Protein backbone atom coordinates (compact mmCIF):
# COMPACT_ATOMS: atom_id res chain seq x y z
CA MET A 1 -10.53 8.50 6.47
CA THR A 2 -8.73 11.38 8.14
CA SER A 3 -6.94 10.22 5.23
CA THR A 4 -4.92 7.72 6.87
CA ASN A 5 -5.84 4.45 7.37
CA LEU A 6 -4.67 1.77 9.85
CA LYS A 7 -4.34 -1.99 9.38
CA VAL A 8 -1.71 -4.10 11.68
CA LYS A 9 -0.09 -7.46 10.51
CA ALA A 10 2.49 -9.55 12.44
CA PHE A 11 0.35 -10.83 15.04
CA TYR A 12 -2.91 -11.27 13.19
CA LEU A 13 -3.44 -14.69 11.76
CA ASP A 14 -5.24 -16.33 8.86
CA ARG A 15 -6.47 -12.99 7.22
CA SER A 16 -6.16 -11.12 3.84
CA GLU A 17 -2.41 -10.54 3.31
CA LYS A 18 -3.38 -7.42 1.31
CA LEU A 19 -5.15 -5.69 4.06
CA SER A 20 -2.62 -6.52 6.55
CA LEU A 21 0.01 -5.23 4.62
CA HIS A 22 -2.17 -2.07 4.03
CA PHE A 23 -2.74 -1.88 7.84
CA ARG A 24 1.33 -2.24 8.58
CA LEU A 25 2.32 0.54 6.19
CA ASN A 26 -0.25 3.01 7.28
CA LEU A 27 0.16 2.39 11.05
CA GLN A 28 3.67 3.43 10.44
CA MET A 29 2.47 6.31 8.55
CA ARG A 30 0.06 7.50 11.38
CA VAL A 31 2.73 6.95 13.92
CA LEU A 32 5.17 9.31 12.23
CA ILE A 33 2.57 11.69 11.56
CA ILE A 34 1.38 11.77 15.03
CA LEU A 35 4.92 12.31 16.18
CA LEU A 36 5.02 15.75 14.17
CA LEU A 37 2.05 16.95 16.14
CA VAL A 38 3.98 17.90 19.35
CA PRO A 39 3.54 20.90 21.42
CA PHE A 40 6.76 23.01 21.94
CA PHE A 41 6.22 24.76 25.19
CA GLY A 42 7.01 24.12 28.78
CA ILE A 43 10.78 23.82 27.94
CA SER A 44 13.33 26.67 27.26
CA GLN A 45 13.09 28.64 24.28
CA ASN A 46 16.56 27.58 23.01
CA ILE A 47 16.04 23.91 23.17
CA LYS A 48 12.65 24.21 21.91
CA SER A 49 14.04 25.91 18.62
CA GLU A 50 16.94 23.56 18.41
CA ILE A 51 14.50 20.32 18.59
CA GLU A 52 11.89 22.08 16.27
CA THR A 53 14.60 22.73 13.67
CA LEU A 54 16.10 19.12 13.85
CA PHE A 55 12.59 17.79 13.57
CA GLU A 56 11.97 19.75 10.51
CA GLN A 57 15.31 18.88 9.14
CA LYS A 58 14.53 15.16 10.08
CA LYS A 59 17.84 15.08 12.19
CA PHE A 60 16.15 12.77 14.67
CA THR A 61 19.24 11.25 16.13
CA GLN A 62 20.79 14.95 16.96
CA ALA A 63 17.44 15.71 18.39
CA GLU A 64 17.61 12.61 20.51
CA LYS A 65 21.35 13.72 21.78
CA GLN A 66 20.20 17.24 22.48
CA LEU A 67 17.19 16.00 24.55
CA THR A 68 19.20 13.53 26.39
CA LEU A 69 21.85 16.13 27.27
CA TYR A 70 18.94 18.39 28.30
CA HIS A 71 17.41 15.71 30.73
CA GLN A 72 20.90 15.29 32.38
CA SER A 73 21.04 18.85 33.34
CA LYS A 74 17.53 19.91 33.80
CA GLU A 75 14.44 18.41 35.31
CA GLU A 76 12.46 16.26 32.75
CA THR A 77 9.12 17.70 31.63
CA GLU A 78 6.16 16.23 29.84
CA VAL A 79 6.97 18.02 26.72
CA SER A 80 10.67 17.12 26.71
CA ILE A 81 9.83 13.28 27.58
CA GLU A 82 7.28 13.46 24.80
CA LEU A 83 9.75 14.96 22.26
CA LEU A 84 12.43 12.29 23.27
CA GLY A 85 9.91 9.61 22.79
CA ASP A 86 9.08 11.13 19.25
CA ALA A 87 12.72 11.26 18.33
CA TYR A 88 12.93 7.63 19.22
CA GLY A 89 9.76 6.61 17.41
CA HIS A 90 11.07 8.47 14.21
CA GLN A 91 14.22 6.27 14.29
CA LYS A 92 12.07 3.38 14.79
CA ASN A 93 13.78 2.58 18.07
CA TRP A 94 10.33 1.25 19.64
CA ASP A 95 11.46 0.08 22.73
CA LYS A 96 13.14 3.39 24.01
CA ALA A 97 9.77 5.21 22.65
CA ILE A 98 7.55 2.88 24.64
CA THR A 99 9.61 3.59 27.53
CA GLU A 100 9.07 7.48 27.18
CA TYR A 101 5.32 7.15 26.42
CA ARG A 102 4.72 5.02 29.49
CA LYS A 103 6.33 7.68 31.55
CA LEU A 104 3.91 10.12 29.96
CA VAL A 105 0.82 7.87 30.71
CA ALA A 106 2.13 7.64 34.45
CA LEU A 107 2.35 11.43 34.57
CA ASP A 108 -0.85 12.27 33.00
CA ASP A 109 -3.46 9.50 32.41
CA SER A 110 -5.88 11.81 31.17
CA ASN A 111 -3.97 12.72 27.91
CA ALA A 112 -5.58 11.06 24.83
CA ASN A 113 -2.58 11.58 22.59
CA TYR A 114 -0.10 10.01 25.01
CA HIS A 115 -2.13 6.77 25.22
CA TYR A 116 -2.53 6.89 21.35
CA LYS A 117 1.27 7.22 20.93
CA LEU A 118 1.96 4.55 23.28
CA GLY A 119 -0.58 2.21 21.37
CA GLY A 120 0.85 3.05 17.97
CA VAL A 121 4.63 2.43 19.08
CA LEU A 122 3.37 -0.71 20.74
CA GLY A 123 1.92 -1.94 17.51
CA MET A 124 4.94 -1.10 15.54
CA LYS A 125 7.03 -3.19 17.74
CA ALA A 126 4.62 -6.04 17.50
CA LEU A 127 4.99 -5.86 13.61
CA GLU A 128 8.80 -6.66 14.17
CA ILE A 129 8.79 -9.39 16.57
CA SER A 130 7.55 -13.06 16.39
CA LYS A 131 3.61 -13.75 16.55
CA ILE A 132 4.21 -15.27 19.70
CA LYS A 133 5.78 -12.58 21.44
CA ALA A 134 3.52 -10.01 19.77
CA VAL A 135 0.43 -11.77 21.43
CA GLY A 136 1.73 -10.57 24.60
CA LEU A 137 1.48 -6.96 23.74
CA ILE A 138 -2.20 -7.03 22.45
CA GLY A 139 -3.66 -6.29 25.78
CA GLU A 140 -1.98 -3.19 26.29
CA ILE A 141 -2.18 -2.05 22.53
CA LYS A 142 -5.98 -2.41 23.04
CA LYS A 143 -5.92 -0.85 26.37
CA SER A 144 -4.18 2.23 25.05
CA PHE A 145 -6.15 2.61 22.05
CA THR A 146 -9.48 2.29 24.11
CA ARG A 147 -8.25 4.57 26.84
CA ALA A 148 -7.55 7.13 24.20
CA ALA A 149 -10.98 6.87 22.67
CA GLU A 150 -12.71 7.11 26.02
CA LEU A 151 -10.67 10.35 26.85
CA ASP A 152 -11.22 12.03 23.46
CA PRO A 153 -14.57 11.36 21.91
CA LYS A 154 -13.53 13.10 18.63
CA HIS A 155 -10.14 11.13 18.31
CA ILE A 156 -10.60 9.85 14.76
CA ASP A 157 -7.27 8.09 14.32
CA THR A 158 -7.80 6.00 17.68
CA ARG A 159 -11.24 4.81 16.48
CA TRP A 160 -9.73 3.71 13.09
CA ALA A 161 -7.02 1.72 15.08
CA LEU A 162 -9.56 0.08 16.99
CA VAL A 163 -11.95 -0.69 14.05
CA GLU A 164 -8.97 -2.26 12.26
CA LEU A 165 -7.57 -3.92 15.43
CA TYR A 166 -10.75 -5.68 16.12
CA MET A 167 -11.15 -6.89 12.61
CA GLN A 168 -7.66 -8.28 12.26
CA LEU A 169 -7.31 -10.06 15.90
CA PRO A 170 -8.51 -13.72 15.60
CA GLY A 171 -11.69 -14.23 17.85
CA ILE A 172 -9.71 -16.49 20.51
CA ILE A 173 -7.82 -13.44 21.47
CA GLY A 174 -10.27 -10.65 21.43
CA GLY A 175 -11.13 -10.17 17.64
CA SER A 176 -14.74 -9.18 17.06
CA LYS A 177 -16.48 -7.73 13.87
CA LYS A 178 -19.23 -6.29 16.20
CA LYS A 179 -16.58 -4.30 18.13
CA SER A 180 -15.14 -3.22 15.04
CA MET A 181 -18.42 -1.91 13.61
CA TYR A 182 -19.04 -0.34 16.94
CA TYR A 183 -16.08 1.98 16.47
CA ALA A 184 -16.91 2.45 12.76
CA ASP A 185 -20.33 3.70 13.73
CA GLN A 186 -18.69 6.19 16.24
CA LEU A 187 -16.55 7.36 13.07
CA TYR A 188 -19.68 7.55 10.94
CA GLU A 189 -20.85 10.16 13.81
CA LEU A 190 -17.74 12.14 13.50
CA SER A 191 -17.29 12.03 9.83
CA LYS A 192 -19.60 10.34 7.38
CA VAL A 193 -16.79 9.84 4.99
CA ASP A 194 -14.73 8.02 7.77
CA GLY A 195 -17.60 6.19 8.71
CA TYR A 196 -18.22 4.68 5.18
CA LEU A 197 -14.45 3.94 4.55
CA ALA A 198 -14.34 1.89 7.88
CA ARG A 199 -17.50 0.16 6.94
CA GLY A 200 -16.19 -0.65 3.49
CA TYR A 201 -13.02 -1.75 5.11
CA ILE A 202 -14.95 -4.00 7.71
CA TYR A 203 -16.98 -5.43 4.68
CA GLU A 204 -13.76 -6.19 2.62
CA TYR A 205 -12.07 -7.72 5.10
CA ASP A 206 -15.06 -10.03 6.18
CA LYS A 207 -15.33 -10.98 2.25
CA GLN A 208 -18.49 -9.16 1.65
CA PRO A 209 -17.30 -7.31 -1.61
CA LYS A 210 -20.91 -5.94 -2.61
CA LEU A 211 -21.08 -4.23 0.59
CA ALA A 212 -17.47 -3.06 0.52
CA GLU A 213 -17.92 -1.59 -2.72
CA GLU A 214 -21.42 0.16 -1.96
CA ASN A 215 -19.65 2.08 1.27
CA TYR A 216 -16.49 3.04 -0.62
CA LYS A 217 -18.69 4.59 -3.43
CA LYS A 218 -20.69 6.21 -0.68
CA ALA A 219 -17.60 7.70 0.75
CA ILE A 220 -16.71 9.19 -2.81
CA GLU A 221 -20.00 10.60 -3.17
CA ILE A 222 -19.91 12.60 0.09
CA GLY A 223 -16.14 13.12 0.20
CA GLY A 224 -14.50 12.64 -3.02
CA SER A 225 -10.91 13.03 -1.91
CA LEU A 226 -7.96 11.30 -3.29
CA ASN A 227 -7.77 8.86 -0.61
CA CYS A 228 -11.64 8.02 -1.05
CA PHE A 229 -10.78 7.23 -4.71
CA LYS A 230 -7.67 5.21 -3.88
CA GLU A 231 -9.69 2.95 -1.26
CA LEU A 232 -12.02 2.11 -4.15
CA THR A 233 -9.42 1.61 -6.58
CA ASP A 234 -7.36 -0.49 -4.26
CA PHE A 235 -10.39 -2.76 -3.40
CA TYR A 236 -10.98 -3.30 -7.44
CA GLU A 237 -7.35 -4.27 -7.67
CA ALA A 238 -7.70 -6.70 -4.76
CA GLN A 239 -10.75 -8.04 -6.47
CA ASP A 240 -8.97 -8.54 -9.67
CA ARG A 241 -10.99 -5.80 -11.30
CA PRO A 242 -8.29 -3.74 -13.23
CA ASN A 243 -10.81 -2.03 -15.58
CA ASP A 244 -12.71 -0.99 -12.86
CA ALA A 245 -9.74 0.31 -11.06
CA ILE A 246 -8.63 2.41 -14.07
CA SER A 247 -11.98 3.74 -14.58
CA THR A 248 -11.94 4.86 -10.77
CA ILE A 249 -8.55 6.41 -11.18
CA GLU A 250 -9.79 8.41 -14.31
CA LYS A 251 -12.58 9.73 -12.38
CA SER A 252 -10.13 10.98 -9.70
CA TYR A 253 -8.14 12.68 -12.07
CA GLU A 254 -11.15 14.39 -13.60
CA LYS A 255 -11.75 15.69 -9.99
CA HIS A 256 -8.24 16.33 -8.73
CA ASN A 257 -5.86 16.62 -11.82
CA LYS A 258 -2.95 15.06 -9.92
CA ASN A 259 -0.07 14.04 -12.22
CA THR A 260 0.60 11.06 -9.91
CA LEU A 261 -2.71 9.48 -11.18
CA HIS A 262 -1.04 9.26 -14.64
CA TYR A 263 1.49 6.99 -12.99
CA GLN A 264 -1.48 4.99 -11.18
CA ILE A 265 -3.35 4.24 -14.40
CA GLY A 266 0.01 3.24 -16.21
CA LYS A 267 0.70 0.93 -13.28
CA VAL A 268 -2.54 -0.81 -13.41
CA CYS A 269 -2.05 -1.20 -17.22
CA ALA A 270 1.32 -2.73 -16.81
CA ASP A 271 0.51 -4.99 -14.07
CA TYR A 272 -2.29 -6.42 -15.44
CA ASN A 273 -1.33 -6.14 -19.32
CA ILE A 274 -4.42 -4.47 -20.24
CA GLN A 275 -5.10 -1.32 -22.07
CA LEU A 276 -1.49 -0.90 -22.85
CA ASP A 277 -1.82 2.04 -25.30
CA LYS A 278 -3.42 3.90 -22.62
CA GLY A 279 -0.84 2.86 -19.96
CA GLU A 280 2.12 4.15 -22.05
CA ARG A 281 0.48 7.21 -22.67
CA CYS A 282 -0.38 8.07 -19.20
CA LEU A 283 3.38 6.96 -17.74
CA LYS A 284 4.72 9.15 -20.50
CA LYS A 285 2.54 12.22 -19.45
CA TYR A 286 3.85 11.37 -15.80
CA ILE A 287 7.48 11.64 -16.95
CA LYS A 288 6.87 14.71 -18.71
CA SER A 289 5.28 16.62 -16.07
CA TYR A 290 7.16 14.95 -13.15
CA SER A 291 8.30 16.75 -9.95
CA THR A 292 9.27 15.27 -6.78
CA LYS A 293 5.90 16.53 -5.26
CA ASP A 294 4.41 13.60 -7.13
CA GLY A 295 5.71 10.98 -4.84
CA VAL A 296 6.35 8.26 -7.07
CA PRO A 297 10.09 8.45 -8.13
CA ILE A 298 10.60 8.89 -11.79
CA GLU A 299 12.45 5.68 -12.15
CA TRP A 300 9.23 3.62 -11.46
CA ALA A 301 7.65 5.14 -14.52
CA TYR A 302 10.47 3.95 -16.64
CA PHE A 303 10.10 0.40 -14.78
CA LYS A 304 6.40 0.23 -15.64
CA LEU A 305 6.94 1.38 -19.36
CA ALA A 306 9.69 -1.44 -19.63
CA GLN A 307 6.91 -3.88 -18.41
CA ILE A 308 4.34 -2.79 -20.98
CA SER A 309 7.09 -3.03 -23.70
CA LYS A 310 7.95 -6.47 -22.22
CA ASN A 311 4.29 -7.68 -22.35
CA ARG A 312 4.07 -6.48 -26.14
CA LEU A 313 7.35 -8.65 -26.55
CA LEU A 314 9.33 -5.58 -27.72
CA LYS A 315 12.88 -6.55 -26.12
CA GLU A 316 14.97 -3.69 -27.27
CA GLU A 317 12.40 -1.09 -26.44
CA ALA A 318 11.81 -2.73 -23.04
CA LEU A 319 15.72 -2.93 -22.46
CA SER A 320 15.84 0.80 -23.31
CA TRP A 321 13.22 1.84 -20.56
CA ILE A 322 14.63 -0.63 -17.89
CA ASP A 323 18.35 0.98 -18.53
CA LYS A 324 16.81 4.36 -18.00
CA ALA A 325 15.40 3.42 -14.62
CA LEU A 326 18.61 1.77 -13.55
CA SER A 327 20.62 5.00 -14.87
CA ILE A 328 18.60 7.01 -12.24
CA ARG A 329 18.97 4.67 -9.51
CA SER A 330 21.76 1.81 -10.09
CA ASN A 331 20.71 -0.33 -7.02
CA PHE A 332 17.02 -0.59 -8.29
CA ASP A 333 16.62 -4.46 -7.34
CA GLN A 334 13.35 -4.75 -8.97
CA ALA A 335 14.53 -3.32 -12.18
CA LYS A 336 17.59 -5.52 -12.11
CA LYS A 337 15.35 -8.50 -11.88
CA GLU A 338 13.01 -7.17 -14.60
CA ARG A 339 16.14 -6.70 -16.82
CA ILE A 340 16.88 -10.42 -16.52
CA LYS A 341 13.29 -11.27 -17.55
CA ILE A 342 13.47 -8.76 -20.43
CA LEU A 343 16.78 -10.52 -21.50
CA GLN A 344 14.92 -13.99 -21.74
CA LEU A 345 12.47 -12.78 -24.23
CA ASN A 346 13.00 -14.33 -27.81
């Protein structure tokens, strides 16, 4: 995948919860990434510099205020409207973001990114309202993504959105495996790795695990990115095949040598109560080499070490690890609940 993967949840019924959640999280990630890809031209150099700096500092409320003041004193431009929509989007104010992006589409119906951004924030709004209300947004979501795909034959993210949208929608309201595969084939023409990953997603969602595994493996053979390995790892976990998941993460480590993969091995070992010695070693390696760039906060490694000790029925050792996690983050709710379970050990 362009290394992101989209999978929507709230308004899609009777489908895999795992894949739906995966879509929800990655739709949000895609929306936030696309909001960063904005052109800073067509407005004054001063406001451009201010907004650019505020975005880099993640001060989106201040950016919103500056742009609102700019619109009060200057004529709105496509760029300033887009920036204001982006500022709203970063704050998850989907309704206001939708308003701004609709303005953009009205001003320039030929801009693929405008349609894609509109479809993305409409999708995020749909995730936060009732399924019944969300159904009313599906038409505009489909229209926005489809229009973006028509306007830009190389827009990979839009095609990913359509692959997953058509798979997750019930047939009665427009879902279609055939249409999903149609966009997966387009992805294949743009990027074989994306094509194989998209097909793997479709087959996994359609409960055809052998075909899903085959396509995920082909994506690794051709691309071999961290994301390719992660998709196969997630697939194995979803199929309750933790040993295969661990083996895949180890192969990913051989290729990419990323410390975060130590954590992932330890996590699977702890979650499935298998290969506990290996899990403990990997988590300790993760802690020893930890930096904020690794992504997973260090307290989670202590949390997983506590789970491994609990699985071994080593109460005092488990308490020591969980207390280290809580000493880093006192409001770590999962750790608090785990501590109660540990205290219940004989």
